[in-house]
Amino acid sequence: MSLYVPGSPSRKTCPTSDMSLSRKLSSVQQLHDRYREVRAWSETICAPLAPEDCVIQSMPDVSPTRWHLAHTTWFFETFVLSRATPDYQPCRAEFEYLFNSYYNSVGRQFPRPQRGLLSRPTVAEVWAYRRQVDQRIGELLEGVGADGERCEQLLLVIELGLQHEQQHQELMLTDIKHVLAQNPLYPVYRESELLQSSVAGARRGNGTAQISYGEGLVKIGHSGPGFVFDNETPRHREFVESFRLADRLVTAGQYVEFLKDDGYRRPELWLSAGWQTVLDAGWQVPLYWVQRGEDWWQFTLSGLRPLDPLEPVCHVSYYEADAFARWCGLRLATEAEWEVAAGELPIEGNFVESERFHPAPVTGASSSAAPDQLFGDVWEWTSSDYSAYPGFRPLDGALGEYNGKFMSGQYVLRGGSCVTPRSHIRATYRNFFPPDARWQFSGFRLAE
């Protein structure tokens, strides 16, 4: 998941220059409180971890937890403190090389696949780095409230940094799950009583109910106040044909039927690149699934547990989602269709705040008005290529470098997951990954 920049200022959190002094100070205090809250959640995520857990890199796409902690801190130091403070002296100059994630003017960046090879700085030194930067941010905010223009720009970048940290909080949980899954002891990140009784109250049935939507010219993308990443803009028109969308996500039990029908041995179901990936990577089941006798189990952040057939299937790639849809004679939704279905719905679901850290079965009676679980549980693959909206222009400079270059060879996912912060998601949010990515909490629903 890459970092974006806001397409329009947030009038909820960032004061304009003509605001009264009291309102400016109030906005600064609110953002400082939010800063402490978001940064503290990173500490909560790391509480169950030992230092040894925080330094492992299990594959090139995974970053050590220590790197996430340092990188998000480096962001605040680089884009807030160094730009707001004359003659700023960095906490440690070498962190510019170790913990940045873009190529600066001289092309210096520590190689991503080698992040797990560093034994120094230690985890303790990274925690000390975070405390030092947090203290400096606090001191900066205490002295900025009376300067209207400076205040507005500063708060915009701090809010961006907090949104960026929330992205990395999700990645920390995603990455530590992959790290722990490499251990044959199947270690537990944290026990969860919620997983013990997940089937209770779950809706039974085959999940094949479809909700119909008419054709029409629709508007998608973000407009209005509030923080937004720039790839959600500009709001624009698209024509959507009539379609039907499944009332819930594809379940693990349904996916087992795909396995029983030799889904991973039938090339006619797969995109050519997907089939080649199946052969090269030896895929036979979703990531983290384990078969013991006739029973299926899966590794979770609460350890190895029996597969719940009623919960959404998770940790599948775009290729696997597309193959399953073909097996059903259906397809994946486009991102425009998904946004039509989700646009007016409340942002409710199983997010990281529930601390379940795993998708949950849908509960309650089915509704003919709207699909269930459009938000939370799993990121939903769409059939849409990740490309720029009409009229999109990334910003110049270092922050803008995070964005436009990623718009190649990836697919859009929508809705957030069980490890996404609730305050971080909205109906227009566009996530994206390569079609073979499986370590993210990704699933799908069917359309026709």
Protein backbone atom coordinates (compact mmCIF):
# COMPACT_ATOMS: atom_id res chain seq x y z
CA MET A 1 0.00 0.00 0.00
CA SER A 2 1.55 3.27 -1.04
CA LEU A 3 1.26 6.72 0.40
CA TYR A 4 -0.85 9.35 -1.31
CA VAL A 5 -1.36 13.04 -0.81
CA PRO A 6 -4.62 14.85 -0.17
CA GLY A 7 -6.43 16.15 -3.20
CA SER A 8 -8.30 18.85 -1.24
CA PRO A 9 -7.69 20.40 2.17
CA SER A 10 -9.62 18.95 5.06
CA ARG A 11 -11.83 21.69 6.47
CA LYS A 12 -12.67 19.45 9.39
CA THR A 13 -9.16 19.30 10.76
CA CYS A 14 -7.22 22.11 9.10
CA PRO A 15 -8.08 25.72 9.88
CA THR A 16 -8.10 28.41 7.22
CA SER A 17 -6.07 31.54 7.71
CA ASP A 18 -9.10 33.68 8.59
CA MET A 19 -10.21 31.49 11.48
CA SER A 20 -10.24 33.03 14.92
CA LEU A 21 -7.28 32.37 17.17
CA SER A 22 -9.40 30.27 19.50
CA ARG A 23 -10.54 28.02 16.64
CA LYS A 24 -6.97 27.67 15.39
CA LEU A 25 -5.78 26.65 18.82
CA SER A 26 -8.68 24.23 19.15
CA SER A 27 -7.84 22.58 15.83
CA VAL A 28 -4.20 22.27 16.81
CA GLN A 29 -5.16 20.65 20.11
CA GLN A 30 -7.56 18.24 18.42
CA LEU A 31 -4.91 17.16 15.95
CA HIS A 32 -2.32 16.81 18.71
CA ASP A 33 -4.73 14.55 20.59
CA ARG A 34 -5.28 12.52 17.41
CA TYR A 35 -1.52 12.38 16.86
CA ARG A 36 -1.00 10.85 20.29
CA GLU A 37 -3.89 8.42 19.77
CA VAL A 38 -2.68 7.14 16.40
CA ARG A 39 0.92 6.84 17.51
CA ALA A 40 -0.15 5.00 20.68
CA TRP A 41 -2.05 2.43 18.59
CA SER A 42 1.23 1.46 16.92
CA GLU A 43 2.57 0.71 20.39
CA THR A 44 -0.53 -1.36 21.18
CA ILE A 45 -0.03 -3.40 18.03
CA CYS A 46 3.53 -4.15 19.06
CA ALA A 47 2.76 -5.00 22.69
CA PRO A 48 2.45 -8.79 22.14
CA LEU A 49 5.69 -8.92 20.12
CA ALA A 50 9.18 -9.81 21.27
CA PRO A 51 12.14 -7.91 19.76
CA GLU A 52 12.95 -11.02 17.73
CA ASP A 53 9.52 -10.81 16.06
CA CYS A 54 10.17 -7.22 14.99
CA VAL A 55 13.29 -7.74 12.87
CA ILE A 56 12.31 -10.58 10.50
CA GLN A 57 11.53 -10.04 6.83
CA SER A 58 9.80 -13.16 5.51
CA MET A 59 9.59 -12.07 1.85
CA PRO A 60 10.48 -8.94 -0.16
CA ASP A 61 6.95 -7.48 0.09
CA VAL A 62 6.99 -7.83 3.89
CA SER A 63 8.79 -5.26 6.01
CA PRO A 64 10.03 -5.89 9.54
CA THR A 65 7.88 -4.32 12.24
CA ARG A 66 10.88 -2.28 13.34
CA TRP A 67 11.10 -0.77 9.85
CA HIS A 68 7.42 0.27 9.92
CA LEU A 69 7.92 1.94 13.31
CA ALA A 70 10.97 3.82 12.12
CA HIS A 71 9.64 4.71 8.66
CA THR A 72 6.45 6.31 9.96
CA THR A 73 8.57 8.32 12.39
CA TRP A 74 10.96 9.29 9.62
CA PHE A 75 7.95 10.68 7.72
CA PHE A 76 7.12 13.12 10.52
CA GLU A 77 10.74 14.12 10.91
CA THR A 78 11.30 14.61 7.16
CA PHE A 79 8.06 16.21 6.02
CA VAL A 80 7.02 18.06 9.19
CA LEU A 81 9.91 18.85 11.52
CA SER A 82 12.64 19.50 8.97
CA ARG A 83 10.38 21.76 6.90
CA ALA A 84 8.91 23.68 9.81
CA THR A 85 12.08 24.24 11.84
CA PRO A 86 14.93 26.47 10.58
CA ASP A 87 18.34 24.78 10.71
CA TYR A 88 16.72 21.52 11.83
CA GLN A 89 19.14 18.83 12.97
CA PRO A 90 17.89 15.27 12.41
CA CYS A 91 17.84 12.81 15.26
CA ARG A 92 20.17 10.54 13.30
CA ALA A 93 21.25 11.50 9.80
CA GLU A 94 21.64 7.89 8.61
CA PHE A 95 17.91 7.25 9.10
CA GLU A 96 17.30 9.26 5.91
CA TYR A 97 18.95 6.39 4.06
CA LEU A 98 17.68 3.45 6.10
CA PHE A 99 14.02 4.34 6.54
CA ASN A 100 12.87 6.40 3.60
CA SER A 101 10.72 4.71 0.95
CA TYR A 102 11.37 6.82 -2.12
CA TYR A 103 14.46 7.64 -4.14
CA ASN A 104 15.60 11.09 -3.20
CA SER A 105 17.51 13.48 -5.43
CA VAL A 106 20.67 11.38 -5.35
CA GLY A 107 18.90 8.04 -5.61
CA ARG A 108 19.81 6.83 -2.13
CA GLN A 109 17.45 4.28 -0.63
CA PHE A 110 18.22 1.15 1.36
CA PRO A 111 17.02 -1.79 -0.79
CA ARG A 112 13.57 -2.97 0.23
CA PRO A 113 14.35 -6.73 0.04
CA GLN A 114 17.24 -6.21 2.50
CA ARG A 115 15.33 -4.51 5.31
CA GLY A 116 15.40 -7.71 7.33
CA LEU A 117 19.19 -7.97 7.15
CA LEU A 118 19.79 -5.08 9.53
CA SER A 119 20.50 -5.90 13.16
CA ARG A 120 21.10 -2.23 13.97
CA PRO A 121 19.60 0.15 14.89
CA THR A 122 18.03 -2.03 17.52
CA VAL A 123 14.33 -2.15 18.29
CA ALA A 124 15.04 -0.19 21.49
CA GLU A 125 16.82 2.50 19.49
CA VAL A 126 13.83 2.78 17.15
CA TRP A 127 11.47 3.23 20.10
CA ALA A 128 13.78 5.95 21.42
CA TYR A 129 13.69 7.59 17.97
CA ARG A 130 9.89 7.62 18.05
CA ARG A 131 9.83 9.23 21.50
CA GLN A 132 12.27 11.91 20.41
CA VAL A 133 10.27 12.82 17.31
CA ASP A 134 6.99 12.75 19.25
CA GLN A 135 8.42 15.21 21.75
CA ARG A 136 9.58 17.54 18.96
CA ILE A 137 6.19 17.37 17.23
CA GLY A 138 4.52 18.31 20.52
CA GLU A 139 6.82 21.27 20.99
CA LEU A 140 6.17 22.37 17.40
CA LEU A 141 2.41 22.24 17.81
CA GLU A 142 2.54 24.23 21.02
CA GLY A 143 4.06 27.18 19.19
CA VAL A 144 2.21 27.15 15.88
CA GLY A 145 -1.40 28.03 16.73
CA ALA A 146 -1.20 31.80 16.26
CA ASP A 147 0.26 31.63 12.72
CA GLY A 148 -2.74 30.99 10.47
CA GLU A 149 -1.12 30.11 7.14
CA ARG A 150 1.71 28.14 8.74
CA CYS A 151 -0.81 26.34 10.94
CA GLU A 152 -2.97 25.26 8.02
CA GLN A 153 -0.13 23.81 5.98
CA LEU A 154 1.44 22.13 8.99
CA LEU A 155 -1.78 20.45 10.05
CA LEU A 156 -2.42 19.20 6.52
CA VAL A 157 0.93 17.41 6.44
CA ILE A 158 0.54 16.04 9.98
CA GLU A 159 -2.88 14.64 9.09
CA LEU A 160 -1.33 13.06 6.01
CA GLY A 161 1.36 11.55 8.25
CA LEU A 162 -1.29 10.08 10.55
CA GLN A 163 -3.17 8.56 7.63
CA HIS A 164 0.15 7.19 6.43
CA GLU A 165 0.83 5.66 9.84
CA GLN A 166 -2.61 4.03 9.82
CA GLN A 167 -1.71 2.41 6.51
CA HIS A 168 1.44 1.05 8.09
CA GLN A 169 -0.43 -0.13 11.18
CA GLU A 170 -2.47 -2.34 8.88
CA LEU A 171 0.70 -3.50 7.18
CA MET A 172 2.31 -4.26 10.55
CA LEU A 173 -0.45 -6.73 11.37
CA THR A 174 -0.45 -8.13 7.84
CA ASP A 175 3.33 -8.55 7.81
CA ILE A 176 3.68 -10.00 11.32
CA LYS A 177 1.07 -12.61 10.39
CA HIS A 178 3.22 -13.65 7.44
CA VAL A 179 6.33 -13.66 9.62
CA LEU A 180 4.75 -15.86 12.30
CA ALA A 181 3.25 -18.19 9.68
CA GLN A 182 6.77 -19.23 8.62
CA ASN A 183 7.29 -20.77 12.06
CA PRO A 184 6.28 -24.48 12.18
CA LEU A 185 5.17 -23.95 15.79
CA TYR A 186 2.35 -21.66 14.56
CA PRO A 187 2.94 -19.08 17.31
CA VAL A 188 0.07 -16.95 18.60
CA TYR A 189 0.25 -13.18 18.17
CA ARG A 190 -2.66 -12.68 20.54
CA GLU A 191 -5.46 -14.94 21.73
CA SER A 192 -8.98 -13.95 20.68
CA GLU A 193 -12.10 -15.18 22.40
CA LEU A 194 -14.09 -13.83 19.46
CA LEU A 195 -12.76 -16.61 17.22
CA GLN A 196 -13.86 -19.29 19.68
CA SER A 197 -17.55 -18.62 19.03
CA SER A 198 -17.54 -17.13 15.55
CA VAL A 199 -20.24 -19.45 14.16
CA ALA A 200 -22.80 -18.42 16.79
CA GLY A 201 -25.40 -16.20 15.15
CA ALA A 202 -23.87 -16.61 11.70
CA ARG A 203 -26.23 -16.60 8.76
CA ARG A 204 -26.65 -19.99 7.15
CA GLY A 205 -27.25 -20.59 3.48
CA ASN A 206 -25.37 -20.63 0.20
CA GLY A 207 -24.89 -16.87 -0.08
CA THR A 208 -26.20 -16.75 -3.67
CA ALA A 209 -28.77 -13.97 -3.21
CA GLN A 210 -28.21 -11.17 -5.69
CA ILE A 211 -29.12 -7.49 -5.39
CA SER A 212 -30.01 -5.71 -8.62
CA TYR A 213 -28.85 -2.26 -9.74
CA GLY A 214 -30.08 -0.39 -12.79
CA GLU A 215 -27.99 1.10 -15.54
CA GLY A 216 -27.15 4.76 -15.58
CA LEU A 217 -24.61 7.54 -15.61
CA VAL A 218 -23.10 7.69 -12.12
CA LYS A 219 -20.49 9.78 -10.36
CA ILE A 220 -17.66 8.08 -8.51
CA GLY A 221 -14.70 9.43 -6.61
CA HIS A 222 -14.45 11.85 -3.72
CA SER A 223 -15.80 15.36 -3.50
CA GLY A 224 -16.45 17.68 -0.59
CA PRO A 225 -14.67 18.24 2.74
CA GLY A 226 -12.64 15.78 4.74
CA PHE A 227 -9.29 14.10 4.27
CA VAL A 228 -8.89 12.18 1.03
CA PHE A 229 -6.01 10.57 -0.83
CA ASP A 230 -5.49 12.07 -4.22
CA ASN A 231 -6.09 8.85 -6.18
CA GLU A 232 -9.74 9.08 -5.07
CA THR A 233 -10.08 12.26 -7.11
CA PRO A 234 -11.31 13.89 -9.20
CA ARG A 235 -14.96 12.91 -8.94
CA HIS A 236 -16.12 12.02 -12.43
CA ARG A 237 -18.88 10.37 -14.42
CA GLU A 238 -18.98 6.77 -15.59
CA PHE A 239 -21.73 4.87 -17.32
CA VAL A 240 -22.58 1.63 -15.50
CA GLU A 241 -24.64 -1.09 -17.13
CA SER A 242 -27.28 -2.85 -15.05
CA PHE A 243 -25.73 -5.47 -12.80
CA ARG A 244 -26.33 -7.72 -9.84
CA LEU A 245 -24.09 -8.03 -6.79
CA ALA A 246 -23.93 -10.89 -4.28
CA ASP A 247 -25.42 -10.06 -0.90
CA ARG A 248 -22.31 -11.28 0.90
CA LEU A 249 -18.70 -12.21 0.40
CA VAL A 250 -17.63 -15.61 -0.92
CA THR A 251 -17.16 -17.87 2.09
CA ALA A 252 -14.44 -20.32 3.01
CA GLY A 253 -16.96 -23.15 2.72
CA GLN A 254 -17.80 -22.17 -0.84
CA TYR A 255 -14.11 -22.03 -1.66
CA VAL A 256 -13.65 -25.57 -0.34
CA GLU A 257 -16.10 -26.70 -3.04
CA PHE A 258 -13.85 -25.05 -5.62
CA LEU A 259 -10.95 -27.10 -4.25
CA LYS A 260 -12.98 -30.31 -4.36
CA ASP A 261 -13.70 -29.65 -8.03
CA ASP A 262 -9.96 -29.47 -8.78
CA GLY A 263 -10.06 -25.71 -9.20
CA TYR A 264 -6.28 -25.42 -8.96
CA ARG A 265 -5.77 -28.11 -11.63
CA ARG A 266 -8.00 -26.72 -14.36
CA PRO A 267 -6.15 -24.22 -16.57
CA GLU A 268 -9.35 -23.28 -18.40
CA LEU A 269 -10.51 -21.41 -15.29
CA TRP A 270 -7.44 -19.22 -14.98
CA LEU A 271 -6.02 -16.18 -16.70
CA SER A 272 -2.85 -17.22 -18.52
CA ALA A 273 -0.59 -15.28 -16.14
CA GLY A 274 -2.57 -16.69 -13.22
CA TRP A 275 -2.15 -20.27 -14.38
CA GLN A 276 1.57 -19.70 -14.83
CA THR A 277 1.71 -18.36 -11.27
CA VAL A 278 -0.12 -21.46 -10.00
CA LEU A 279 2.49 -23.65 -11.67
CA ASP A 280 5.52 -21.59 -10.68
CA ALA A 281 4.46 -20.98 -7.07
CA GLY A 282 2.85 -24.37 -6.53
CA TRP A 283 -0.44 -22.91 -5.31
CA GLN A 284 -2.98 -25.50 -4.21
CA VAL A 285 -5.01 -23.65 -1.57
CA PRO A 286 -5.35 -20.08 -0.23
CA LEU A 287 -2.48 -18.71 1.78
CA TYR A 288 -2.39 -19.96 5.40
CA TRP A 289 -4.67 -22.95 4.77
CA VAL A 290 -3.49 -26.30 6.16
CA GLN A 291 -5.14 -29.70 5.64
CA ARG A 292 -5.05 -32.26 8.45
CA GLY A 293 -6.70 -35.47 7.37
CA GLU A 294 -10.11 -34.51 6.02
CA ASP A 295 -10.23 -31.24 7.93
CA TRP A 296 -9.13 -27.79 6.89
CA TRP A 297 -7.36 -25.42 9.26
CA GLN A 298 -5.94 -21.97 8.76
CA PHE A 299 -3.29 -19.89 10.45
CA THR A 300 -4.59 -16.73 12.10
CA LEU A 301 -3.09 -14.09 14.35
CA SER A 302 -4.55 -16.21 17.16
CA GLY A 303 -2.70 -19.29 15.94
CA LEU A 304 -3.79 -22.31 13.93
CA ARG A 305 -7.58 -22.81 14.04
CA PRO A 306 -10.19 -24.97 12.30
CA LEU A 307 -11.54 -23.38 9.15
CA ASP A 308 -14.93 -21.75 9.70
CA PRO A 309 -16.93 -22.44 6.51
CA LEU A 310 -19.22 -19.45 7.12
CA GLU A 311 -16.54 -16.77 7.32
CA PRO A 312 -15.28 -14.94 4.21
CA VAL A 313 -12.47 -16.62 2.37
CA CYS A 314 -9.32 -14.59 2.93
CA HIS A 315 -5.75 -14.25 1.65
CA VAL A 316 -6.57 -15.02 -1.96
CA SER A 317 -5.06 -13.28 -4.95
CA TYR A 318 -6.83 -11.57 -7.82
CA TYR A 319 -5.99 -14.60 -9.94
CA GLU A 320 -7.71 -16.93 -7.47
CA ALA A 321 -10.75 -14.67 -7.12
CA ASP A 322 -11.11 -14.45 -10.89
CA ALA A 323 -10.74 -18.23 -11.33
CA PHE A 324 -13.42 -18.91 -8.71
CA ALA A 325 -15.77 -16.45 -10.41
CA ARG A 326 -15.27 -18.18 -13.76
CA TRP A 327 -15.93 -21.53 -12.08
CA CYS A 328 -19.28 -20.11 -10.94
CA GLY A 329 -20.06 -18.63 -14.34
CA LEU A 330 -19.94 -15.15 -12.79
CA ARG A 331 -17.38 -12.35 -12.46
CA LEU A 332 -15.89 -9.80 -10.09
CA ALA A 333 -17.47 -6.39 -9.75
CA THR A 334 -15.85 -3.32 -11.23
CA GLU A 335 -14.83 -0.63 -8.77
CA ALA A 336 -17.54 1.66 -10.16
CA GLU A 337 -20.17 -1.01 -9.46
CA TRP A 338 -18.79 -1.54 -5.97
CA GLU A 339 -18.93 2.19 -5.24
CA VAL A 340 -22.50 2.42 -6.55
CA ALA A 341 -23.47 -0.29 -4.05
CA ALA A 342 -21.49 1.15 -1.14
CA GLY A 343 -21.69 4.89 -1.69
CA GLU A 344 -24.66 5.70 0.56
CA LEU A 345 -24.10 3.04 3.22
CA PRO A 346 -22.74 3.76 6.73
CA ILE A 347 -19.12 2.81 7.38
CA GLU A 348 -19.82 -0.13 9.68
CA GLY A 349 -18.15 -3.51 9.95
CA ASN A 350 -15.43 -5.65 11.44
CA PHE A 351 -12.44 -3.29 11.59
CA VAL A 352 -9.23 -3.40 13.61
CA GLU A 353 -10.95 -1.70 16.54
CA SER A 354 -12.90 -4.92 17.19
CA GLU A 355 -9.49 -6.56 17.84
CA ARG A 356 -10.72 -9.78 16.27
CA PHE A 357 -7.94 -9.53 13.63
CA HIS A 358 -9.80 -12.01 11.42
CA PRO A 359 -12.84 -11.94 9.08
CA ALA A 360 -16.18 -12.77 10.67
CA PRO A 361 -19.24 -14.62 9.29
CA VAL A 362 -22.14 -12.41 8.30
CA THR A 363 -24.90 -12.37 10.90
CA GLY A 364 -28.57 -11.45 10.97
CA ALA A 365 -31.22 -11.73 8.31
CA SER A 366 -30.40 -11.01 4.67
CA SER A 367 -31.41 -7.60 3.35
CA SER A 368 -32.74 -7.05 -0.14
CA ALA A 369 -31.74 -3.38 0.01
CA ALA A 370 -27.95 -3.58 0.19
CA PRO A 371 -25.15 -6.17 0.34
CA ASP A 372 -23.60 -7.08 3.70
CA GLN A 373 -19.95 -6.66 4.70
CA LEU A 374 -19.05 -4.10 2.08
CA PHE A 375 -16.82 -2.52 4.73
CA GLY A 376 -14.35 -4.37 6.95
CA ASP A 377 -13.55 -8.11 7.13
CA VAL A 378 -11.61 -8.37 3.83
CA TRP A 379 -10.45 -6.04 1.09
CA GLU A 380 -12.56 -6.90 -1.96
CA TRP A 381 -10.84 -7.51 -5.28
CA THR A 382 -12.47 -5.73 -8.19
CA SER A 383 -11.91 -6.37 -11.89
CA SER A 384 -10.66 -2.80 -12.37
CA ASP A 385 -7.08 -2.00 -13.27
CA TYR A 386 -5.49 0.52 -10.93
CA SER A 387 -5.23 3.58 -13.14
CA ALA A 388 -5.71 7.30 -12.76
CA TYR A 389 -9.15 8.85 -12.82
CA PRO A 390 -9.77 11.28 -15.70
CA GLY A 391 -8.05 14.55 -14.87
CA PHE A 392 -5.80 13.13 -12.13
CA ARG A 393 -2.50 14.93 -11.58
CA PRO A 394 -0.08 13.84 -8.83
CA LEU A 395 1.74 16.52 -6.88
CA ASP A 396 5.29 17.44 -7.70
CA GLY A 397 8.18 16.50 -5.47
CA ALA A 398 8.83 13.77 -2.93
CA LEU A 399 5.26 13.30 -1.72
CA GLY A 400 3.90 13.06 -5.23
CA GLU A 401 6.49 10.43 -6.11
CA TYR A 402 4.56 7.92 -4.01
CA ASN A 403 1.64 7.79 -6.37
CA GLY A 404 1.55 7.97 -10.15
CA LYS A 405 4.35 5.44 -10.68
CA PHE A 406 2.30 2.68 -9.01
CA MET A 407 -0.47 2.83 -11.62
CA SER A 408 0.73 -0.13 -13.66
CA GLY A 409 -0.10 -3.84 -13.52
CA GLN A 410 -2.20 -3.71 -10.35
CA TYR A 411 -5.87 -4.15 -9.48
CA VAL A 412 -8.14 -2.10 -7.23
CA LEU A 413 -9.50 -3.41 -3.91
CA ARG A 414 -12.27 -1.74 -1.94
CA GLY A 415 -13.85 -1.64 1.49
CA GLY A 416 -11.10 -2.19 4.07
CA SER A 417 -10.48 -5.26 6.20
CA CYS A 418 -10.46 -6.59 9.74
CA VAL A 419 -7.07 -4.92 10.29
CA THR A 420 -8.01 -1.55 8.77
CA PRO A 421 -8.66 1.34 11.21
CA ARG A 422 -12.29 2.41 11.04
CA SER A 423 -11.36 6.11 10.85
CA HIS A 424 -9.15 5.39 7.84
CA ILE A 425 -11.73 4.04 5.38
CA ARG A 426 -14.51 5.49 3.22
CA ALA A 427 -16.53 4.42 0.19
CA THR A 428 -14.16 6.12 -2.27
CA TYR A 429 -10.95 4.62 -0.82
CA ARG A 430 -8.88 2.81 -3.48
CA ASN A 431 -6.39 0.18 -2.39
CA PHE A 432 -4.32 -1.68 -4.98
CA PHE A 433 -2.04 -4.69 -5.26
CA PRO A 434 -0.47 -6.86 -7.97
CA PRO A 435 -2.73 -9.73 -9.09
CA ASP A 436 -0.58 -12.40 -7.41
CA ALA A 437 -0.55 -10.75 -3.95
CA ARG A 438 -2.04 -12.96 -1.22
CA TRP A 439 -0.59 -11.87 2.13
CA GLN A 440 -3.00 -8.96 2.43
CA PHE A 441 -6.43 -9.62 4.05
CA SER A 442 -8.12 -9.87 0.65
CA GLY A 443 -11.29 -11.64 -0.46
CA PHE A 444 -14.08 -11.04 -2.95
CA ARG A 445 -17.78 -11.15 -3.83
CA LEU A 446 -19.43 -12.13 -7.09
CA ALA A 447 -21.27 -10.04 -9.65
CA GLU A 448 -23.08 -10.58 -12.94
